[in-house]
PDB file of N, CA and C in Angstrom:
ATOM      1  N   UNK A   1     288.450  85.089 -45.604  1.00  0.00           N
ATOM      2  CA  UNK A   1     289.516  85.564 -46.441  1.00  0.00           C
ATOM      3  C   UNK A   1     288.930  85.826 -47.829  1.00  0.00           C
ATOM      4  N   UNK A   2     289.312  86.934 -48.416  1.00  0.00           N
ATOM      5  CA  UNK A   2     288.852  87.272 -49.762  1.00  0.00           C
ATOM      6  C   UNK A   2     289.906  86.875 -50.774  1.00  0.00           C
ATOM      7  N   UNK A   3     289.466  86.475 -51.950  1.00  0.00           N
ATOM      8  CA  UNK A   3     290.385  86.125 -53.019  1.00  0.00           C
ATOM      9  C   UNK A   3     291.047  87.373 -53.580  1.00  0.00           C
ATOM     10  N   UNK A   4     292.276  87.222 -53.993  1.00  0.00           N
ATOM     11  CA  UNK A   4     292.991  88.316 -54.617  1.00  0.00           C
ATOM     12  C   UNK A   4     292.384  88.597 -55.979  1.00  0.00           C
ATOM     13  N   UNK A   5     292.255  89.875 -56.313  1.00  0.00           N
ATOM     14  CA  UNK A   5     291.700  90.242 -57.614  1.00  0.00           C
ATOM     15  C   UNK A   5     292.736  90.915 -58.500  1.00  0.00           C
ATOM     16  N   UNK A   6     293.952  90.995 -58.045  1.00  0.00           N
ATOM     17  CA  UNK A   6     294.994  91.664 -58.814  1.00  0.00           C
ATOM     18  C   UNK A   6     295.583  90.785 -59.895  1.00  0.00           C
ATOM     19  N   UNK A   7     296.251  91.402 -60.835  1.00  0.00           N
ATOM     20  CA  UNK A   7     296.943  90.671 -61.895  1.00  0.00           C
ATOM     21  C   UNK A   7     298.277  90.157 -61.360  1.00  0.00           C
ATOM     22  N   UNK A   8     298.819  89.160 -62.020  1.00  0.00           N
ATOM     23  CA  UNK A   8     300.100  88.598 -61.599  1.00  0.00           C
ATOM     24  C   UNK A   8     301.159  89.692 -61.622  1.00  0.00           C
ATOM     25  N   UNK A   9     301.923  89.773 -60.544  1.00  0.00           N
ATOM     26  CA  UNK A   9     302.981  90.764 -60.465  1.00  0.00           C
ATOM     27  C   UNK A   9     302.578  92.073 -59.817  1.00  0.00           C
ATOM     28  N   UNK A  10     301.323  92.234 -59.459  1.00  0.00           N
ATOM     29  CA  UNK A  10     300.892  93.467 -58.805  1.00  0.00           C
ATOM     30  C   UNK A  10     300.885  93.274 -57.300  1.00  0.00           C
ATOM     31  N   UNK A  11     300.790  94.346 -56.581  1.00  0.00           N
ATOM     32  CA  UNK A  11     300.771  94.262 -55.124  1.00  0.00           C
ATOM     33  C   UNK A  11     299.520  93.549 -54.618  1.00  0.00           C
ATOM     34  N   UNK A  12     298.427  93.615 -55.369  1.00  0.00           N
ATOM     35  CA  UNK A  12     297.196  92.937 -54.971  1.00  0.00           C
ATOM     36  C   UNK A  12     297.285  91.435 -55.174  1.00  0.00           C
ATOM     37  N   UNK A  13     298.287  90.973 -55.925  1.00  0.00           N
ATOM     38  CA  UNK A  13     298.439  89.553 -56.207  1.00  0.00           C
ATOM     39  C   UNK A  13     298.724  88.751 -54.951  1.00  0.00           C
ATOM     40  N   UNK A  14     299.386  89.333 -54.001  1.00  0.00           N
ATOM     41  CA  UNK A  14     299.768  88.606 -52.795  1.00  0.00           C
ATOM     42  C   UNK A  14     298.909  88.993 -51.593  1.00  0.00           C
ATOM     43  N   UNK A  15     297.640  89.285 -51.821  1.00  0.00           N
ATOM     44  CA  UNK A  15     296.756  89.743 -50.747  1.00  0.00           C
ATOM     45  C   UNK A  15     296.601  88.692 -49.660  1.00  0.00           C
ATOM     46  N   UNK A  16     296.482  87.441 -50.011  1.00  0.00           N
ATOM     47  CA  UNK A  16     296.317  86.386 -49.001  1.00  0.00           C
ATOM     48  C   UNK A  16     297.572  86.254 -48.146  1.00  0.00           C
ATOM     49  N   UNK A  17     298.726  86.297 -48.772  1.00  0.00           N
ATOM     50  CA  UNK A  17     299.980  86.202 -48.026  1.00  0.00           C
ATOM     51  C   UNK A  17     300.153  87.406 -47.110  1.00  0.00           C
ATOM     52  N   UNK A  18     299.797  88.577 -47.583  1.00  0.00           N
ATOM     53  CA  UNK A  18     299.898  89.781 -46.761  1.00  0.00           C
ATOM     54  C   UNK A  18     298.970  89.690 -45.557  1.00  0.00           C
ATOM     55  N   UNK A  19     297.750  89.210 -45.771  1.00  0.00           N
ATOM     56  CA  UNK A  19     296.798  89.068 -44.672  1.00  0.00           C
ATOM     57  C   UNK A  19     297.324  88.068 -43.638  1.00  0.00           C
ATOM     58  N   UNK A  20     297.915  86.975 -44.107  1.00  0.00           N
ATOM     59  CA  UNK A  20     298.495  85.984 -43.207  1.00  0.00           C
ATOM     60  C   UNK A  20     299.605  86.606 -42.365  1.00  0.00           C
ATOM     61  N   UNK A  21     300.512  87.317 -43.011  1.00  0.00           N
ATOM     62  CA  UNK A  21     301.641  87.924 -42.308  1.00  0.00           C
ATOM     63  C   UNK A  21     301.202  88.978 -41.303  1.00  0.00           C
ATOM     64  N   UNK A  22     300.208  89.754 -41.655  1.00  0.00           N
ATOM     65  CA  UNK A  22     299.706  90.778 -40.729  1.00  0.00           C
ATOM     66  C   UNK A  22     299.117  90.115 -39.494  1.00  0.00           C
ATOM     67  N   UNK A  23     298.312  89.073 -39.696  1.00  0.00           N
ATOM     68  CA  UNK A  23     297.727  88.368 -38.561  1.00  0.00           C
ATOM     69  C   UNK A  23     298.781  87.736 -37.676  1.00  0.00           C
ATOM     70  N   UNK A  24     299.777  87.114 -38.285  1.00  0.00           N
ATOM     71  CA  UNK A  24     300.863  86.493 -37.530  1.00  0.00           C
ATOM     72  C   UNK A  24     301.611  87.524 -36.698  1.00  0.00           C
ATOM     73  N   UNK A  25     301.972  88.616 -37.308  1.00  0.00           N
ATOM     74  CA  UNK A  25     302.709  89.660 -36.587  1.00  0.00           C
ATOM     75  C   UNK A  25     301.882  90.249 -35.453  1.00  0.00           C
ATOM     76  N   UNK A  26     300.621  90.526 -35.726  1.00  0.00           N
ATOM     77  CA  UNK A  26     299.768  91.165 -34.725  1.00  0.00           C
ATOM     78  C   UNK A  26     299.506  90.231 -33.543  1.00  0.00           C
ATOM     79  N   UNK A  27     299.208  88.965 -33.817  1.00  0.00           N
ATOM     80  CA  UNK A  27     298.773  88.065 -32.758  1.00  0.00           C
ATOM     81  C   UNK A  27     299.907  87.296 -32.079  1.00  0.00           C
ATOM     82  N   UNK A  28     301.042  87.144 -32.719  1.00  0.00           N
ATOM     83  CA  UNK A  28     302.110  86.333 -32.152  1.00  0.00           C
ATOM     84  C   UNK A  28     303.354  87.149 -31.840  1.00  0.00           C
ATOM     85  N   UNK A  29     303.789  87.947 -32.768  1.00  0.00           N
ATOM     86  CA  UNK A  29     305.087  88.593 -32.634  1.00  0.00           C
ATOM     87  C   UNK A  29     305.030  89.942 -31.941  1.00  0.00           C
ATOM     88  N   UNK A  30     303.954  90.682 -32.127  1.00  0.00           N
ATOM     89  CA  UNK A  30     303.859  92.016 -31.557  1.00  0.00           C
ATOM     90  C   UNK A  30     303.827  91.941 -30.035  1.00  0.00           C
ATOM     91  N   UNK A  31     304.673  92.685 -29.402  1.00  0.00           N
ATOM     92  CA  UNK A  31     304.725  92.717 -27.953  1.00  0.00           C
ATOM     93  C   UNK A  31     305.611  91.643 -27.351  1.00  0.00           C
ATOM     94  N   UNK A  32     306.094  90.736 -28.167  1.00  0.00           N
ATOM     95  CA  UNK A  32     306.992  89.693 -27.651  1.00  0.00           C
ATOM     96  C   UNK A  32     308.354  90.312 -27.363  1.00  0.00           C
ATOM     97  N   UNK A  33     308.907  89.964 -26.268  1.00  0.00           N
ATOM     98  CA  UNK A  33     310.216  90.501 -25.899  1.00  0.00           C
ATOM     99  C   UNK A  33     311.337  89.693 -26.536  1.00  0.00           C
ATOM    100  N   UNK A  34     311.002  88.584 -27.081  1.00  0.00           N
ATOM    101  CA  UNK A  34     311.998  87.741 -27.723  1.00  0.00           C
ATOM    102  C   UNK A  34     311.917  86.328 -27.189  1.00  0.00           C
ATOM    103  N   UNK A  35     312.561  85.458 -27.865  1.00  0.00           N
ATOM    104  CA  UNK A  35     312.580  84.062 -27.475  1.00  0.00           C
ATOM    105  C   UNK A  35     314.021  83.666 -27.184  1.00  0.00           C
ATOM    106  N   UNK A  36     314.182  82.652 -26.360  1.00  0.00           N
ATOM    107  CA  UNK A  36     315.527  82.241 -25.973  1.00  0.00           C
ATOM    108  C   UNK A  36     316.234  81.449 -27.062  1.00  0.00           C
ATOM    109  N   UNK A  37     315.464  80.941 -28.027  1.00  0.00           N
ATOM    110  CA  UNK A  37     316.074  80.182 -29.119  1.00  0.00           C
ATOM    111  C   UNK A  37     315.196  80.266 -30.360  1.00  0.00           C
ATOM    112  N   UNK A  38     315.771  79.892 -31.480  1.00  0.00           N
ATOM    113  CA  UNK A  38     315.007  79.865 -32.729  1.00  0.00           C
ATOM    114  C   UNK A  38     313.897  78.819 -32.646  1.00  0.00           C
ATOM    115  N   UNK A  39     314.177  77.711 -31.977  1.00  0.00           N
ATOM    116  CA  UNK A  39     313.170  76.661 -31.827  1.00  0.00           C
ATOM    117  C   UNK A  39     311.956  77.140 -31.055  1.00  0.00           C
ATOM    118  N   UNK A  40     312.177  77.952 -30.034  1.00  0.00           N
ATOM    119  CA  UNK A  40     311.076  78.506 -29.255  1.00  0.00           C
ATOM    120  C   UNK A  40     310.236  79.461 -30.102  1.00  0.00           C
ATOM    121  N   UNK A  41     310.883  80.250 -30.943  1.00  0.00           N
ATOM    122  CA  UNK A  41     310.161  81.158 -31.841  1.00  0.00           C
ATOM    123  C   UNK A  41     309.350  80.365 -32.851  1.00  0.00           C
ATOM    124  N   UNK A  42     309.945  79.309 -33.412  1.00  0.00           N
ATOM    125  CA  UNK A  42     309.218  78.459 -34.356  1.00  0.00           C
ATOM    126  C   UNK A  42     308.002  77.821 -33.704  1.00  0.00           C
ATOM    127  N   UNK A  43     308.143  77.390 -32.460  1.00  0.00           N
ATOM    128  CA  UNK A  43     307.029  76.780 -31.743  1.00  0.00           C
ATOM    129  C   UNK A  43     305.888  77.783 -31.549  1.00  0.00           C
ATOM    130  N   UNK A  44     306.220  79.027 -31.239  1.00  0.00           N
ATOM    131  CA  UNK A  44     305.191  80.060 -31.073  1.00  0.00           C
ATOM    132  C   UNK A  44     304.429  80.271 -32.381  1.00  0.00           C
ATOM    133  N   UNK A  45     305.146  80.287 -33.498  1.00  0.00           N
ATOM    134  CA  UNK A  45     304.497  80.456 -34.799  1.00  0.00           C
ATOM    135  C   UNK A  45     303.656  79.219 -35.121  1.00  0.00           C
ATOM    136  N   UNK A  46     304.189  78.027 -34.851  1.00  0.00           N
ATOM    137  CA  UNK A  46     303.449  76.787 -35.106  1.00  0.00           C
ATOM    138  C   UNK A  46     302.155  76.752 -34.301  1.00  0.00           C
ATOM    139  N   UNK A  47     302.215  77.157 -33.029  1.00  0.00           N
ATOM    140  CA  UNK A  47     301.019  77.178 -32.207  1.00  0.00           C
ATOM    141  C   UNK A  47     299.979  78.149 -32.757  1.00  0.00           C
ATOM    142  N   UNK A  48     300.442  79.283 -33.300  1.00  0.00           N
ATOM    143  CA  UNK A  48     299.502  80.243 -33.876  1.00  0.00           C
ATOM    144  C   UNK A  48     298.840  79.670 -35.124  1.00  0.00           C
ATOM    145  N   UNK A  49     299.641  78.990 -35.968  1.00  0.00           N
ATOM    146  CA  UNK A  49     299.110  78.445 -37.211  1.00  0.00           C
ATOM    147  C   UNK A  49     298.099  77.328 -36.933  1.00  0.00           C
ATOM    148  N   UNK A  50     298.363  76.509 -35.919  1.00  0.00           N
ATOM    149  CA  UNK A  50     297.511  75.345 -35.664  1.00  0.00           C
ATOM    150  C   UNK A  50     296.463  75.595 -34.605  1.00  0.00           C
ATOM    151  N   UNK A  51     296.226  76.831 -34.240  1.00  0.00           N
ATOM    152  CA  UNK A  51     295.241  77.132 -33.206  1.00  0.00           C
ATOM    153  C   UNK A  51     293.842  76.797 -33.625  1.00  0.00           C
TER     154      UNK A  51
END
């Protein structure tokens, strides 16, 4: 992961958060047909974070 080089308040300021969200969406959420409950969705995200 690269450090953000943007100034506070710029789009580059949240580079780490954006990279996290892109990875989460690509590896966990993309292609999922849905979950039967919110708890099941949370578990899928938790498993991705703690992999």
